[in-house]
Amino acid sequence: MLDAGCGPGHQAATLNRFGAEAVGLDLSHVMLVEGRRRVPGLRLVQGDLLALPFPTGAFHGVWARASLIHLTEDETRRALAEFRRVLRPGGALYVCVRVGEGDAVREETLMGVTLRRYFHFWTPHALAQAVGAAGFQLADAGDEDGEPENWTWLHAAAR
């Protein structure tokens, strides 16, 4: 299982506890160092969601929770195509993004650190269309309440 945009790897570690044999990927070297500090032995790779450093068909699943929110719409479509490339046929995709329309640059404080970051928002319908266009069959979808925005998620299978 690929944890795409894993940050410090907490979700990859959780996936491993459930037997998924997760590999975490993040662009930020600092995040990966923190992940290795927190969970020694966790498989973490530095890389770009737009050009995944893995062979075609390398994974049974891709987990992308709150990672695509920092990509533009076009970049997200490119990342989804990369997810499809590294998944085996029938492989599972999970994506979760913030609900809304358009983009924003915001300051947010996480774990005591204030960051200025870019966000792109998705309607559930637009996300489902983008995932379908990337070569996936929608299996399930839903919404979650959140702050400052709500979230939408979906499960899909690689065609």
C-alpha atoms as a PDB file:
ATOM      1  CA  MET A   1       0.000   0.000   0.000  1.00  0.00           C
ATOM      2  CA  LEU A   2       1.315   3.430  -0.925  1.00  0.00           C
ATOM      3  CA  ASP A   3       0.607   6.227   1.569  1.00  0.00           C
ATOM      4  CA  ALA A   4       0.858   9.077  -0.943  1.00  0.00           C
ATOM      5  CA  GLY A   5       1.811  12.338   0.764  1.00  0.00           C
ATOM      6  CA  CYS A   6       2.471  10.620   4.083  1.00  0.00           C
ATOM      7  CA  GLY A   7       3.919  13.562   6.034  1.00  0.00           C
ATOM      8  CA  PRO A   8       5.553  12.122   9.165  1.00  0.00           C
ATOM      9  CA  GLY A   9       4.139   8.673   8.381  1.00  0.00           C
ATOM     10  CA  HIS A  10       1.508   8.256  11.096  1.00  0.00           C
ATOM     11  CA  GLN A  11      -1.063   6.843   8.666  1.00  0.00           C
ATOM     12  CA  ALA A  12       1.507   4.530   7.028  1.00  0.00           C
ATOM     13  CA  ALA A  13       2.326   3.218  10.507  1.00  0.00           C
ATOM     14  CA  THR A  14      -1.384   2.625  11.166  1.00  0.00           C
ATOM     15  CA  LEU A  15      -1.793   0.844   7.834  1.00  0.00           C
ATOM     16  CA  ASN A  16       1.136  -1.401   8.768  1.00  0.00           C
ATOM     17  CA  ARG A  17      -0.474  -2.279  12.099  1.00  0.00           C
ATOM     18  CA  PHE A  18      -3.407  -3.581  10.056  1.00  0.00           C
ATOM     19  CA  GLY A  19      -1.089  -5.686   7.867  1.00  0.00           C
ATOM     20  CA  ALA A  20      -0.929  -3.465   4.783  1.00  0.00           C
ATOM     21  CA  GLU A  21       2.886  -3.345   4.314  1.00  0.00           C
ATOM     22  CA  ALA A  22       2.720   0.398   3.648  1.00  0.00           C
ATOM     23  CA  VAL A  23       5.331   2.547   1.970  1.00  0.00           C
ATOM     24  CA  GLY A  24       5.069   6.243   2.763  1.00  0.00           C
ATOM     25  CA  LEU A  25       6.005   8.859   0.173  1.00  0.00           C
ATOM     26  CA  ASP A  26       6.386  12.584   0.804  1.00  0.00           C
ATOM     27  CA  LEU A  27       8.129  15.483  -0.929  1.00  0.00           C
ATOM     28  CA  SER A  28       9.367  16.909   2.379  1.00  0.00           C
ATOM     29  CA  HIS A  29      12.652  15.480   3.647  1.00  0.00           C
ATOM     30  CA  VAL A  30      11.969  17.036   7.065  1.00  0.00           C
ATOM     31  CA  MET A  31       8.660  15.151   7.349  1.00  0.00           C
ATOM     32  CA  LEU A  32      10.362  11.875   6.477  1.00  0.00           C
ATOM     33  CA  VAL A  33      13.111  12.440   9.054  1.00  0.00           C
ATOM     34  CA  GLU A  34      10.410  13.017  11.673  1.00  0.00           C
ATOM     35  CA  GLY A  35       8.584   9.879  10.553  1.00  0.00           C
ATOM     36  CA  ARG A  36      11.743   7.787  10.876  1.00  0.00           C
ATOM     37  CA  ARG A  37      12.318   9.258  14.327  1.00  0.00           C
ATOM     38  CA  ARG A  38       8.787   8.432  15.446  1.00  0.00           C
ATOM     39  CA  VAL A  39       8.605   4.953  13.888  1.00  0.00           C
ATOM     40  CA  PRO A  40      12.053   3.417  13.291  1.00  0.00           C
ATOM     41  CA  GLY A  41      11.980   0.979  10.395  1.00  0.00           C
ATOM     42  CA  LEU A  42       8.978   2.585   8.693  1.00  0.00           C
ATOM     43  CA  ARG A  43       9.466   2.432   4.913  1.00  0.00           C
ATOM     44  CA  LEU A  44       9.537   6.073   3.784  1.00  0.00           C
ATOM     45  CA  VAL A  45      10.579   7.430   0.393  1.00  0.00           C
ATOM     46  CA  GLN A  46      11.125  11.014  -0.721  1.00  0.00           C
ATOM     47  CA  GLY A  47       9.315  11.737  -3.956  1.00  0.00           C
ATOM     48  CA  ASP A  48       6.808  13.783  -5.921  1.00  0.00           C
ATOM     49  CA  LEU A  49       3.138  12.807  -6.303  1.00  0.00           C
ATOM     50  CA  LEU A  50       3.363  13.998  -9.923  1.00  0.00           C
ATOM     51  CA  ALA A  51       6.197  11.577 -10.804  1.00  0.00           C
ATOM     52  CA  LEU A  52       6.050   8.603  -8.449  1.00  0.00           C
ATOM     53  CA  PRO A  53       9.413   6.798  -8.141  1.00  0.00           C
ATOM     54  CA  PHE A  54       7.841   3.327  -8.370  1.00  0.00           C
ATOM     55  CA  PRO A  55       7.352   0.893 -11.251  1.00  0.00           C
ATOM     56  CA  THR A  56       4.029   0.419 -12.992  1.00  0.00           C
ATOM     57  CA  GLY A  57       1.740  -1.937 -11.090  1.00  0.00           C
ATOM     58  CA  ALA A  58       3.861  -1.902  -7.925  1.00  0.00           C
ATOM     59  CA  PHE A  59       0.997  -1.528  -5.420  1.00  0.00           C
ATOM     60  CA  HIS A  60      -2.296  -3.137  -4.434  1.00  0.00           C
ATOM     61  CA  GLY A  61      -3.556   0.123  -2.956  1.00  0.00           C
ATOM     62  CA  VAL A  62      -2.974   3.877  -2.740  1.00  0.00           C
ATOM     63  CA  TRP A  63      -4.016   5.927   0.311  1.00  0.00           C
ATOM     64  CA  ALA A  64      -4.133   9.709  -0.261  1.00  0.00           C
ATOM     65  CA  ARG A  65      -5.715  11.395   2.743  1.00  0.00           C
ATOM     66  CA  ALA A  66      -5.263  15.191   2.892  1.00  0.00           C
ATOM     67  CA  SER A  67      -2.303  15.148   0.505  1.00  0.00           C
ATOM     68  CA  LEU A  68      -3.959  16.242  -2.737  1.00  0.00           C
ATOM     69  CA  ILE A  69      -5.395  19.365  -1.079  1.00  0.00           C
ATOM     70  CA  HIS A  70      -2.108  21.193  -1.662  1.00  0.00           C
ATOM     71  CA  LEU A  71      -2.057  20.535  -5.430  1.00  0.00           C
ATOM     72  CA  THR A  72      -3.791  22.551  -8.131  1.00  0.00           C
ATOM     73  CA  GLU A  73      -6.658  20.894  -9.983  1.00  0.00           C
ATOM     74  CA  ASP A  74      -4.386  20.066 -12.929  1.00  0.00           C
ATOM     75  CA  GLU A  75      -1.682  18.692 -10.626  1.00  0.00           C
ATOM     76  CA  THR A  76      -4.269  16.557  -8.832  1.00  0.00           C
ATOM     77  CA  ARG A  77      -5.359  15.064 -12.152  1.00  0.00           C
ATOM     78  CA  ARG A  78      -1.705  14.273 -12.925  1.00  0.00           C
ATOM     79  CA  ALA A  79      -1.241  12.706  -9.470  1.00  0.00           C
ATOM     80  CA  LEU A  80      -4.365  10.567  -9.962  1.00  0.00           C
ATOM     81  CA  ALA A  81      -2.925   9.323 -13.276  1.00  0.00           C
ATOM     82  CA  GLU A  82       0.284   8.424 -11.442  1.00  0.00           C
ATOM     83  CA  PHE A  83      -1.730   6.578  -8.784  1.00  0.00           C
ATOM     84  CA  ARG A  84      -3.424   4.590 -11.546  1.00  0.00           C
ATOM     85  CA  ARG A  85      -0.043   3.805 -13.123  1.00  0.00           C
ATOM     86  CA  VAL A  86       1.471   2.356  -9.937  1.00  0.00           C
ATOM     87  CA  LEU A  87      -1.655   0.348  -9.056  1.00  0.00           C
ATOM     88  CA  ARG A  88      -2.277  -3.161 -10.269  1.00  0.00           C
ATOM     89  CA  PRO A  89      -5.577  -3.691 -12.123  1.00  0.00           C
ATOM     90  CA  GLY A  90      -8.321  -3.891  -9.515  1.00  0.00           C
ATOM     91  CA  GLY A  91      -6.112  -2.112  -6.964  1.00  0.00           C
ATOM     92  CA  ALA A  92      -7.800   0.088  -4.377  1.00  0.00           C
ATOM     93  CA  LEU A  93      -7.666   3.885  -4.187  1.00  0.00           C
ATOM     94  CA  TYR A  94      -8.720   5.993  -1.196  1.00  0.00           C
ATOM     95  CA  VAL A  95      -8.746   9.785  -1.598  1.00  0.00           C
ATOM     96  CA  CYS A  96      -9.906  12.394   0.925  1.00  0.00           C
ATOM     97  CA  VAL A  97      -9.912  16.160   0.192  1.00  0.00           C
ATOM     98  CA  ARG A  98     -11.519  19.329   1.544  1.00  0.00           C
ATOM     99  CA  VAL A  99     -14.970  20.187   0.214  1.00  0.00           C
ATOM    100  CA  GLY A 100     -15.524  23.468  -1.558  1.00  0.00           C
ATOM    101  CA  GLU A 101     -14.730  25.258  -4.782  1.00  0.00           C
ATOM    102  CA  GLY A 102     -11.670  27.151  -5.951  1.00  0.00           C
ATOM    103  CA  ASP A 103      -8.375  27.749  -4.195  1.00  0.00           C
ATOM    104  CA  ALA A 104      -6.985  29.660  -1.243  1.00  0.00           C
ATOM    105  CA  VAL A 105      -3.682  30.427   0.440  1.00  0.00           C
ATOM    106  CA  ARG A 106      -4.076  30.247   4.199  1.00  0.00           C
ATOM    107  CA  GLU A 107      -2.158  30.307   7.401  1.00  0.00           C
ATOM    108  CA  GLU A 108      -2.926  27.302   9.601  1.00  0.00           C
ATOM    109  CA  THR A 109      -1.386  26.205  12.861  1.00  0.00           C
ATOM    110  CA  LEU A 110      -0.644  22.509  13.252  1.00  0.00           C
ATOM    111  CA  MET A 111       1.151  21.108  16.289  1.00  0.00           C
ATOM    112  CA  GLY A 112       2.179  24.632  17.313  1.00  0.00           C
ATOM    113  CA  VAL A 113       3.675  25.550  13.939  1.00  0.00           C
ATOM    114  CA  THR A 114       1.990  28.169  11.735  1.00  0.00           C
ATOM    115  CA  LEU A 115       2.354  27.568   8.011  1.00  0.00           C
ATOM    116  CA  ARG A 116       1.160  29.511   4.979  1.00  0.00           C
ATOM    117  CA  ARG A 117      -0.086  26.909   2.490  1.00  0.00           C
ATOM    118  CA  TYR A 118      -2.000  26.580  -0.764  1.00  0.00           C
ATOM    119  CA  PHE A 119      -5.309  24.663  -0.802  1.00  0.00           C
ATOM    120  CA  HIS A 120      -7.513  23.488  -3.643  1.00  0.00           C
ATOM    121  CA  PHE A 121     -11.091  22.505  -2.812  1.00  0.00           C
ATOM    122  CA  TRP A 122     -13.267  19.888  -4.535  1.00  0.00           C
ATOM    123  CA  THR A 123     -16.959  19.198  -4.803  1.00  0.00           C
ATOM    124  CA  PRO A 124     -17.749  15.495  -4.404  1.00  0.00           C
ATOM    125  CA  HIS A 125     -18.986  15.374  -7.995  1.00  0.00           C
ATOM    126  CA  ALA A 126     -15.841  17.005  -9.438  1.00  0.00           C
ATOM    127  CA  LEU A 127     -13.589  14.671  -7.440  1.00  0.00           C
ATOM    128  CA  ALA A 128     -15.508  11.606  -8.642  1.00  0.00           C
ATOM    129  CA  GLN A 129     -15.219  12.829 -12.246  1.00  0.00           C
ATOM    130  CA  ALA A 130     -11.457  13.392 -11.926  1.00  0.00           C
ATOM    131  CA  VAL A 131     -10.943   9.955 -10.390  1.00  0.00           C
ATOM    132  CA  GLY A 132     -13.028   8.322 -13.136  1.00  0.00           C
ATOM    133  CA  ALA A 133     -11.105  10.161 -15.851  1.00  0.00           C
ATOM    134  CA  ALA A 134      -7.848   8.810 -14.382  1.00  0.00           C
ATOM    135  CA  GLY A 135      -8.956   5.211 -14.932  1.00  0.00           C
ATOM    136  CA  PHE A 136     -10.823   4.281 -11.762  1.00  0.00           C
ATOM    137  CA  GLN A 137     -14.265   2.815 -11.069  1.00  0.00           C
ATOM    138  CA  LEU A 138     -15.965   4.523  -8.114  1.00  0.00           C
ATOM    139  CA  ALA A 139     -16.888   2.059  -5.351  1.00  0.00           C
ATOM    140  CA  ASP A 140     -18.031   4.235  -2.440  1.00  0.00           C
ATOM    141  CA  ALA A 141     -18.023   7.881  -1.373  1.00  0.00           C
ATOM    142  CA  GLY A 142     -18.955  10.004   1.596  1.00  0.00           C
ATOM    143  CA  ASP A 143     -18.411  13.171   3.576  1.00  0.00           C
ATOM    144  CA  GLU A 144     -16.894  14.048   6.965  1.00  0.00           C
ATOM    145  CA  ASP A 145     -17.452  17.097   9.145  1.00  0.00           C
ATOM    146  CA  GLY A 146     -14.320  19.117   9.812  1.00  0.00           C
ATOM    147  CA  GLU A 147     -12.743  22.458  10.655  1.00  0.00           C
ATOM    148  CA  PRO A 148     -12.317  24.795   8.890  1.00  0.00           C
ATOM    149  CA  GLU A 149     -13.969  22.880   6.009  1.00  0.00           C
ATOM    150  CA  ASN A 150     -15.708  19.567   5.611  1.00  0.00           C
ATOM    151  CA  TRP A 151     -14.056  16.685   3.784  1.00  0.00           C
ATOM    152  CA  THR A 152     -15.148  14.367   1.001  1.00  0.00           C
ATOM    153  CA  TRP A 153     -13.678  10.928   0.433  1.00  0.00           C
ATOM    154  CA  LEU A 154     -14.022   8.115  -2.043  1.00  0.00           C
ATOM    155  CA  HIS A 155     -12.919   4.559  -2.626  1.00  0.00           C
ATOM    156  CA  ALA A 156     -12.316   3.398  -6.173  1.00  0.00           C
ATOM    157  CA  ALA A 157     -10.797   0.463  -8.033  1.00  0.00           C
ATOM    158  CA  ALA A 158      -8.230   0.674 -10.822  1.00  0.00           C
ATOM    159  CA  ARG A 159      -9.709  -0.381 -14.169  1.00  0.00           C
END
